[in-house]
Amino acid sequence: MKKIMFIACVGLSLAACTATERGAGVGAATGAVVGGVATGNVRGAAVGAAVGGLAGALIGNVADQPGRCYYRDQYGNRYVDRC
């Protein structure tokens, strides 16, 4: 029951955010889990949260811009352009 309440609270708190904030939150949480599992320590989780939060914010920012898409070129550079 505690897990269900926790998930419900997180879901409701993200519902009031912009797409950029939601993307950053989800990216940071996912990055922390992946970083913690991959390295087995808190430092890895912190780095994963930072990287995931940044990536999630970039992707979420595009969601706030209708008619814009997020692209990556052959060199790995990211940019936003018309869809």
PDB file of N, CA and C in Angstrom:
ATOM      1  N   MET A   1       0.813  -1.186   0.000  1.00  0.00           N
ATOM      2  CA  MET A   1       0.000   0.000   0.000  1.00  0.00           C
ATOM      3  C   MET A   1       0.864   1.261   0.000  1.00  0.00           C
ATOM      4  N   LYS A   2       1.999   1.213   0.703  1.00  0.00           N
ATOM      5  CA  LYS A   2       2.884   2.379   0.743  1.00  0.00           C
ATOM      6  C   LYS A   2       3.439   2.676  -0.643  1.00  0.00           C
ATOM      7  N   LYS A   3       3.762   1.626  -1.402  1.00  0.00           N
ATOM      8  CA  LYS A   3       4.295   1.827  -2.747  1.00  0.00           C
ATOM      9  C   LYS A   3       3.261   2.490  -3.646  1.00  0.00           C
ATOM     10  N   ILE A   4       2.019   2.071  -3.534  1.00  0.00           N
ATOM     11  CA  ILE A   4       0.965   2.655  -4.360  1.00  0.00           C
ATOM     12  C   ILE A   4       0.770   4.129  -4.013  1.00  0.00           C
ATOM     13  N   MET A   5       0.794   4.448  -2.728  1.00  0.00           N
ATOM     14  CA  MET A   5       0.645   5.842  -2.295  1.00  0.00           C
ATOM     15  C   MET A   5       1.817   6.692  -2.778  1.00  0.00           C
ATOM     16  N   PHE A   6       3.034   6.129  -2.732  1.00  0.00           N
ATOM     17  CA  PHE A   6       4.209   6.851  -3.194  1.00  0.00           C
ATOM     18  C   PHE A   6       4.103   7.141  -4.687  1.00  0.00           C
ATOM     19  N   ILE A   7       3.727   6.148  -5.469  1.00  0.00           N
ATOM     20  CA  ILE A   7       3.589   6.324  -6.919  1.00  0.00           C
ATOM     21  C   ILE A   7       2.495   7.341  -7.227  1.00  0.00           C
ATOM     22  N   ALA A   8       1.396   7.288  -6.490  1.00  0.00           N
ATOM     23  CA  ALA A   8       0.313   8.246  -6.709  1.00  0.00           C
ATOM     24  C   ALA A   8       0.770   9.670  -6.396  1.00  0.00           C
ATOM     25  N   CYS A   9       1.515   9.849  -5.318  1.00  0.00           N
ATOM     26  CA  CYS A   9       2.009  11.178  -4.954  1.00  0.00           C
ATOM     27  C   CYS A   9       2.985  11.716  -5.995  1.00  0.00           C
ATOM     28  N   VAL A  10       3.868  10.880  -6.475  1.00  0.00           N
ATOM     29  CA  VAL A  10       4.818  11.306  -7.499  1.00  0.00           C
ATOM     30  C   VAL A  10       4.075  11.664  -8.775  1.00  0.00           C
ATOM     31  N   GLY A  11       3.104  10.839  -9.155  1.00  0.00           N
ATOM     32  CA  GLY A  11       2.324  11.119 -10.360  1.00  0.00           C
ATOM     33  C   GLY A  11       1.565  12.425 -10.268  1.00  0.00           C
ATOM     34  N   LEU A  12       0.960  12.682  -9.124  1.00  0.00           N
ATOM     35  CA  LEU A  12       0.218  13.931  -8.947  1.00  0.00           C
ATOM     36  C   LEU A  12       1.134  15.142  -8.910  1.00  0.00           C
ATOM     37  N   SER A  13       2.315  14.993  -8.332  1.00  0.00           N
ATOM     38  CA  SER A  13       3.226  16.132  -8.282  1.00  0.00           C
ATOM     39  C   SER A  13       3.769  16.468  -9.665  1.00  0.00           C
ATOM     40  N   LEU A  14       3.961  15.482 -10.506  1.00  0.00           N
ATOM     41  CA  LEU A  14       4.455  15.739 -11.859  1.00  0.00           C
ATOM     42  C   LEU A  14       3.363  16.283 -12.767  1.00  0.00           C
ATOM     43  N   ALA A  15       2.109  16.082 -12.427  1.00  0.00           N
ATOM     44  CA  ALA A  15       1.015  16.537 -13.272  1.00  0.00           C
ATOM     45  C   ALA A  15       0.958  18.054 -13.363  1.00  0.00           C
ATOM     46  N   ALA A  16       1.424  18.762 -12.363  1.00  0.00           N
ATOM     47  CA  ALA A  16       1.352  20.223 -12.346  1.00  0.00           C
ATOM     48  C   ALA A  16       2.570  20.882 -12.981  1.00  0.00           C
ATOM     49  N   CYS A  17       3.532  20.128 -13.408  1.00  0.00           N
ATOM     50  CA  CYS A  17       4.778  20.681 -13.944  1.00  0.00           C
ATOM     51  C   CYS A  17       4.675  20.904 -15.447  1.00  0.00           C
ATOM     52  N   THR A  18       5.614  21.711 -15.963  1.00  0.00           N
ATOM     53  CA  THR A  18       5.734  21.866 -17.408  1.00  0.00           C
ATOM     54  C   THR A  18       6.412  20.627 -17.976  1.00  0.00           C
ATOM     55  N   ALA A  19       6.404  20.516 -19.282  1.00  0.00           N
ATOM     56  CA  ALA A  19       7.036  19.359 -19.911  1.00  0.00           C
ATOM     57  C   ALA A  19       8.534  19.319 -19.626  1.00  0.00           C
ATOM     58  N   THR A  20       9.170  20.467 -19.553  1.00  0.00           N
ATOM     59  CA  THR A  20      10.603  20.519 -19.252  1.00  0.00           C
ATOM     60  C   THR A  20      10.875  19.999 -17.847  1.00  0.00           C
ATOM     61  N   GLU A  21      10.070  20.426 -16.887  1.00  0.00           N
ATOM     62  CA  GLU A  21      10.257  19.977 -15.506  1.00  0.00           C
ATOM     63  C   GLU A  21       9.960  18.487 -15.357  1.00  0.00           C
ATOM     64  N   ARG A  22       8.916  18.014 -16.028  1.00  0.00           N
ATOM     65  CA  ARG A  22       8.605  16.577 -15.979  1.00  0.00           C
ATOM     66  C   ARG A  22       9.742  15.771 -16.588  1.00  0.00           C
ATOM     67  N   GLY A  23      10.256  16.230 -17.736  1.00  0.00           N
ATOM     68  CA  GLY A  23      11.360  15.527 -18.381  1.00  0.00           C
ATOM     69  C   GLY A  23      12.600  15.482 -17.514  1.00  0.00           C
ATOM     70  N   ALA A  24      12.893  16.594 -16.847  1.00  0.00           N
ATOM     71  CA  ALA A  24      14.055  16.633 -15.958  1.00  0.00           C
ATOM     72  C   ALA A  24      13.870  15.702 -14.773  1.00  0.00           C
ATOM     73  N   GLY A  25      12.673  15.683 -14.199  1.00  0.00           N
ATOM     74  CA  GLY A  25      12.402  14.808 -13.051  1.00  0.00           C
ATOM     75  C   GLY A  25      12.490  13.344 -13.400  1.00  0.00           C
ATOM     76  N   VAL A  26      11.864  12.965 -14.502  1.00  0.00           N
ATOM     77  CA  VAL A  26      11.890  11.567 -14.920  1.00  0.00           C
ATOM     78  C   VAL A  26      13.307  11.168 -15.327  1.00  0.00           C
ATOM     79  N   GLY A  27      13.997  12.043 -16.044  1.00  0.00           N
ATOM     80  CA  GLY A  27      15.370  11.749 -16.452  1.00  0.00           C
ATOM     81  C   GLY A  27      16.313  11.601 -15.278  1.00  0.00           C
ATOM     82  N   ALA A  28      16.156  12.469 -14.283  1.00  0.00           N
ATOM     83  CA  ALA A  28      17.015  12.397 -13.098  1.00  0.00           C
ATOM     84  C   ALA A  28      16.757  11.123 -12.304  1.00  0.00           C
ATOM     85  N   ALA A  29      15.494  10.770 -12.154  1.00  0.00           N
ATOM     86  CA  ALA A  29      15.167   9.543 -11.406  1.00  0.00           C
ATOM     87  C   ALA A  29      15.696   8.314 -12.135  1.00  0.00           C
ATOM     88  N   THR A  30      15.492   8.268 -13.426  1.00  0.00           N
ATOM     89  CA  THR A  30      15.977   7.130 -14.201  1.00  0.00           C
ATOM     90  C   THR A  30      17.503   7.069 -14.202  1.00  0.00           C
ATOM     91  N   GLY A  31      18.132   8.224 -14.378  1.00  0.00           N
ATOM     92  CA  GLY A  31      19.595   8.269 -14.366  1.00  0.00           C
ATOM     93  C   GLY A  31      20.181   7.847 -13.035  1.00  0.00           C
ATOM     94  N   ALA A  32      19.524   8.228 -11.946  1.00  0.00           N
ATOM     95  CA  ALA A  32      20.012   7.832 -10.619  1.00  0.00           C
ATOM     96  C   ALA A  32      19.934   6.325 -10.428  1.00  0.00           C
ATOM     97  N   VAL A  33      18.841   5.739 -10.857  1.00  0.00           N
ATOM     98  CA  VAL A  33      18.696   4.281 -10.733  1.00  0.00           C
ATOM     99  C   VAL A  33      19.733   3.569 -11.585  1.00  0.00           C
ATOM    100  N   VAL A  34      19.858   3.974 -12.837  1.00  0.00           N
ATOM    101  CA  VAL A  34      20.819   3.315 -13.733  1.00  0.00           C
ATOM    102  C   VAL A  34      22.248   3.526 -13.244  1.00  0.00           C
ATOM    103  N   GLY A  35      22.582   4.753 -12.847  1.00  0.00           N
ATOM    104  CA  GLY A  35      23.933   5.024 -12.350  1.00  0.00           C
ATOM    105  C   GLY A  35      24.251   4.257 -11.089  1.00  0.00           C
ATOM    106  N   GLY A  36      23.284   4.151 -10.182  1.00  0.00           N
ATOM    107  CA  GLY A  36      23.494   3.401  -8.942  1.00  0.00           C
ATOM    108  C   GLY A  36      23.664   1.918  -9.183  1.00  0.00           C
ATOM    109  N   VAL A  37      22.866   1.368 -10.082  1.00  0.00           N
ATOM    110  CA  VAL A  37      22.965  -0.068 -10.387  1.00  0.00           C
ATOM    111  C   VAL A  37      24.262  -0.367 -11.134  1.00  0.00           C
ATOM    112  N   ALA A  38      24.634   0.509 -12.062  1.00  0.00           N
ATOM    113  CA  ALA A  38      25.829   0.254 -12.876  1.00  0.00           C
ATOM    114  C   ALA A  38      27.115   0.327 -12.067  1.00  0.00           C
ATOM    115  N   THR A  39      27.191   1.278 -11.121  1.00  0.00           N
ATOM    116  CA  THR A  39      28.431   1.445 -10.370  1.00  0.00           C
ATOM    117  C   THR A  39      28.379   0.844  -8.973  1.00  0.00           C
ATOM    118  N   GLY A  40      27.191   0.726  -8.416  1.00  0.00           N
ATOM    119  CA  GLY A  40      27.058   0.158  -7.083  1.00  0.00           C
ATOM    120  C   GLY A  40      27.393   1.122  -5.960  1.00  0.00           C
ATOM    121  N   ASN A  41      27.469   2.432  -6.260  1.00  0.00           N
ATOM    122  CA  ASN A  41      27.742   3.395  -5.193  1.00  0.00           C
ATOM    123  C   ASN A  41      26.935   4.676  -5.397  1.00  0.00           C
ATOM    124  N   VAL A  42      26.978   5.536  -4.407  1.00  0.00           N
ATOM    125  CA  VAL A  42      26.188   6.769  -4.425  1.00  0.00           C
ATOM    126  C   VAL A  42      26.732   7.755  -5.452  1.00  0.00           C
ATOM    127  N   ARG A  43      28.015   7.800  -5.643  1.00  0.00           N
ATOM    128  CA  ARG A  43      28.616   8.716  -6.609  1.00  0.00           C
ATOM    129  C   ARG A  43      28.097   8.427  -8.014  1.00  0.00           C
ATOM    130  N   GLY A  44      27.996   7.165  -8.376  1.00  0.00           N
ATOM    131  CA  GLY A  44      27.460   6.795  -9.684  1.00  0.00           C
ATOM    132  C   GLY A  44      26.007   7.194  -9.831  1.00  0.00           C
ATOM    133  N   ALA A  45      25.235   7.057  -8.757  1.00  0.00           N
ATOM    134  CA  ALA A  45      23.832   7.463  -8.781  1.00  0.00           C
ATOM    135  C   ALA A  45      23.712   8.977  -8.948  1.00  0.00           C
ATOM    136  N   ALA A  46      24.584   9.737  -8.291  1.00  0.00           N
ATOM    137  CA  ALA A  46      24.546  11.193  -8.402  1.00  0.00           C
ATOM    138  C   ALA A  46      24.904  11.648  -9.812  1.00  0.00           C
ATOM    139  N   VAL A  47      25.915  11.043 -10.393  1.00  0.00           N
ATOM    140  CA  VAL A  47      26.301  11.389 -11.760  1.00  0.00           C
ATOM    141  C   VAL A  47      25.182  10.999 -12.726  1.00  0.00           C
ATOM    142  N   GLY A  48      24.605   9.831 -12.529  1.00  0.00           N
ATOM    143  CA  GLY A  48      23.491   9.395 -13.375  1.00  0.00           C
ATOM    144  C   GLY A  48      22.301  10.331 -13.267  1.00  0.00           C
ATOM    145  N   ALA A  49      22.007  10.810 -12.068  1.00  0.00           N
ATOM    146  CA  ALA A  49      20.898  11.744 -11.880  1.00  0.00           C
ATOM    147  C   ALA A  49      21.166  13.064 -12.589  1.00  0.00           C
ATOM    148  N   ALA A  50      22.397  13.547 -12.521  1.00  0.00           N
ATOM    149  CA  ALA A  50      22.740  14.804 -13.184  1.00  0.00           C
ATOM    150  C   ALA A  50      22.630  14.683 -14.695  1.00  0.00           C
ATOM    151  N   VAL A  51      23.190  13.625 -15.241  1.00  0.00           N
ATOM    152  CA  VAL A  51      23.149  13.420 -16.693  1.00  0.00           C
ATOM    153  C   VAL A  51      21.707  13.177 -17.152  1.00  0.00           C
ATOM    154  N   GLY A  52      20.987  12.345 -16.424  1.00  0.00           N
ATOM    155  CA  GLY A  52      19.604  12.063 -16.783  1.00  0.00           C
ATOM    156  C   GLY A  52      18.712  13.278 -16.673  1.00  0.00           C
ATOM    157  N   GLY A  53      18.922  14.090 -15.656  1.00  0.00           N
ATOM    158  CA  GLY A  53      18.144  15.315 -15.496  1.00  0.00           C
ATOM    159  C   GLY A  53      18.375  16.300 -16.625  1.00  0.00           C
ATOM    160  N   LEU A  54      19.614  16.446 -17.028  1.00  0.00           N
ATOM    161  CA  LEU A  54      19.942  17.346 -18.133  1.00  0.00           C
ATOM    162  C   LEU A  54      19.328  16.847 -19.434  1.00  0.00           C
ATOM    163  N   ALA A  55      19.486  15.567 -19.713  1.00  0.00           N
ATOM    164  CA  ALA A  55      18.917  15.011 -20.940  1.00  0.00           C
ATOM    165  C   ALA A  55      17.391  15.096 -20.928  1.00  0.00           C
ATOM    166  N   GLY A  56      16.779  14.798 -19.805  1.00  0.00           N
ATOM    167  CA  GLY A  56      15.329  14.890 -19.701  1.00  0.00           C
ATOM    168  C   GLY A  56      14.816  16.308 -19.872  1.00  0.00           C
ATOM    169  N   ALA A  57      15.545  17.277 -19.348  1.00  0.00           N
ATOM    170  CA  ALA A  57      15.146  18.673 -19.506  1.00  0.00           C
ATOM    171  C   ALA A  57      15.242  19.109 -20.964  1.00  0.00           C
ATOM    172  N   LEU A  58      16.287  18.675 -21.651  1.00  0.00           N
ATOM    173  CA  LEU A  58      16.422  19.019 -23.071  1.00  0.00           C
ATOM    174  C   LEU A  58      15.280  18.429 -23.889  1.00  0.00           C
ATOM    175  N   ILE A  59      14.966  17.177 -23.630  1.00  0.00           N
ATOM    176  CA  ILE A  59      13.890  16.527 -24.373  1.00  0.00           C
ATOM    177  C   ILE A  59      12.541  17.129 -23.976  1.00  0.00           C
ATOM    178  N   GLY A  60      12.337  17.410 -22.699  1.00  0.00           N
ATOM    179  CA  GLY A  60      11.098  18.013 -22.245  1.00  0.00           C
ATOM    180  C   GLY A  60      10.898  19.416 -22.783  1.00  0.00           C
ATOM    181  N   ASN A  61      11.991  20.138 -22.978  1.00  0.00           N
ATOM    182  CA  ASN A  61      11.912  21.487 -23.523  1.00  0.00           C
ATOM    183  C   ASN A  61      11.341  21.471 -24.929  1.00  0.00           C
ATOM    184  N   VAL A  62      11.672  20.470 -25.698  1.00  0.00           N
ATOM    185  CA  VAL A  62      11.147  20.343 -27.054  1.00  0.00           C
ATOM    186  C   VAL A  62       9.642  20.105 -27.014  1.00  0.00           C
ATOM    187  N   ALA A  63       9.167  19.377 -26.014  1.00  0.00           N
ATOM    188  CA  ALA A  63       7.736  19.101 -25.900  1.00  0.00           C
ATOM    189  C   ALA A  63       6.935  20.378 -25.664  1.00  0.00           C
ATOM    190  N   ASP A  64       7.558  21.422 -25.118  1.00  0.00           N
ATOM    191  CA  ASP A  64       6.887  22.701 -24.908  1.00  0.00           C
ATOM    192  C   ASP A  64       6.832  23.536 -26.175  1.00  0.00           C
ATOM    193  N   GLN A  65       7.469  23.084 -27.245  1.00  0.00           N
ATOM    194  CA  GLN A  65       7.532  23.846 -28.479  1.00  0.00           C
ATOM    195  C   GLN A  65       6.791  23.084 -29.583  1.00  0.00           C
ATOM    196  N   PRO A  66       5.524  23.347 -29.776  1.00  0.00           N
ATOM    197  CA  PRO A  66       4.777  22.632 -30.819  1.00  0.00           C
ATOM    198  C   PRO A  66       5.376  22.875 -32.201  1.00  0.00           C
ATOM    199  N   GLY A  67       5.427  21.834 -32.994  1.00  0.00           N
ATOM    200  CA  GLY A  67       5.986  21.940 -34.335  1.00  0.00           C
ATOM    201  C   GLY A  67       7.498  21.866 -34.381  1.00  0.00           C
ATOM    202  N   ARG A  68       8.128  21.617 -33.248  1.00  0.00           N
ATOM    203  CA  ARG A  68       9.588  21.495 -33.179  1.00  0.00           C
ATOM    204  C   ARG A  68       9.952  20.076 -32.798  1.00  0.00           C
ATOM    205  N   CYS A  69      11.050  19.586 -33.343  1.00  0.00           N
ATOM    206  CA  CYS A  69      11.518  18.235 -33.033  1.00  0.00           C
ATOM    207  C   CYS A  69      12.978  18.285 -32.588  1.00  0.00           C
ATOM    208  N   TYR A  70      13.367  17.274 -31.863  1.00  0.00           N
ATOM    209  CA  TYR A  70      14.716  17.142 -31.313  1.00  0.00           C
ATOM    210  C   TYR A  70      15.489  16.204 -32.241  1.00  0.00           C
ATOM    211  N   TYR A  71      16.610  16.659 -32.770  1.00  0.00           N
ATOM    212  CA  TYR A  71      17.408  15.871 -33.702  1.00  0.00           C
ATOM    213  C   TYR A  71      18.837  15.726 -33.190  1.00  0.00           C
ATOM    214  N   ARG A  72      19.527  14.726 -33.714  1.00  0.00           N
ATOM    215  CA  ARG A  72      20.948  14.519 -33.436  1.00  0.00           C
ATOM    216  C   ARG A  72      21.615  14.245 -34.781  1.00  0.00           C
ATOM    217  N   ASP A  73      22.697  14.968 -35.080  1.00  0.00           N
ATOM    218  CA  ASP A  73      23.376  14.754 -36.353  1.00  0.00           C
ATOM    219  C   ASP A  73      24.386  13.612 -36.254  1.00  0.00           C
ATOM    220  N   GLN A  74      25.089  13.364 -37.355  1.00  0.00           N
ATOM    221  CA  GLN A  74      26.013  12.233 -37.409  1.00  0.00           C
ATOM    222  C   GLN A  74      27.212  12.384 -36.476  1.00  0.00           C
ATOM    223  N   TYR A  75      27.455  13.605 -35.990  1.00  0.00           N
ATOM    224  CA  TYR A  75      28.573  13.842 -35.087  1.00  0.00           C
ATOM    225  C   TYR A  75      28.155  13.831 -33.616  1.00  0.00           C
ATOM    226  N   GLY A  76      26.865  13.588 -33.354  1.00  0.00           N
ATOM    227  CA  GLY A  76      26.379  13.531 -31.989  1.00  0.00           C
ATOM    228  C   GLY A  76      25.871  14.855 -31.440  1.00  0.00           C
ATOM    229  N   ASN A  77      25.904  15.902 -32.259  1.00  0.00           N
ATOM    230  CA  ASN A  77      25.394  17.205 -31.817  1.00  0.00           C
ATOM    231  C   ASN A  77      23.869  17.178 -31.794  1.00  0.00           C
ATOM    232  N   ARG A  78      23.292  17.780 -30.751  1.00  0.00           N
ATOM    233  CA  ARG A  78      21.831  17.825 -30.626  1.00  0.00           C
ATOM    234  C   ARG A  78      21.337  19.205 -31.029  1.00  0.00           C
ATOM    235  N   TYR A  79      20.192  19.245 -31.720  1.00  0.00           N
ATOM    236  CA  TYR A  79      19.593  20.524 -32.071  1.00  0.00           C
ATOM    237  C   TYR A  79      18.087  20.369 -32.229  1.00  0.00           C
ATOM    238  N   VAL A  80      17.389  21.510 -32.211  1.00  0.00           N
ATOM    239  CA  VAL A  80      15.934  21.556 -32.350  1.00  0.00           C
ATOM    240  C   VAL A  80      15.622  22.270 -33.650  1.00  0.00           C
ATOM    241  N   ASP A  81      14.701  21.692 -34.422  1.00  0.00           N
ATOM    242  CA  ASP A  81      14.327  22.276 -35.695  1.00  0.00           C
ATOM    243  C   ASP A  81      12.865  21.949 -35.985  1.00  0.00           C
ATOM    244  N   ARG A  82      12.329  22.538 -37.033  1.00  0.00           N
ATOM    245  CA  ARG A  82      10.951  22.223 -37.417  1.00  0.00           C
ATOM    246  C   ARG A  82      10.836  20.744 -37.772  1.00  0.00           C
ATOM    247  N   CYS A  83       9.690  20.176 -37.472  1.00  0.00           N
ATOM    248  CA  CYS A  83       9.455  18.755 -37.778  1.00  0.00           C
ATOM    249  C   CYS A  83       9.182  18.553 -39.256  1.00  0.00           C
TER     250      CYS A  83
END
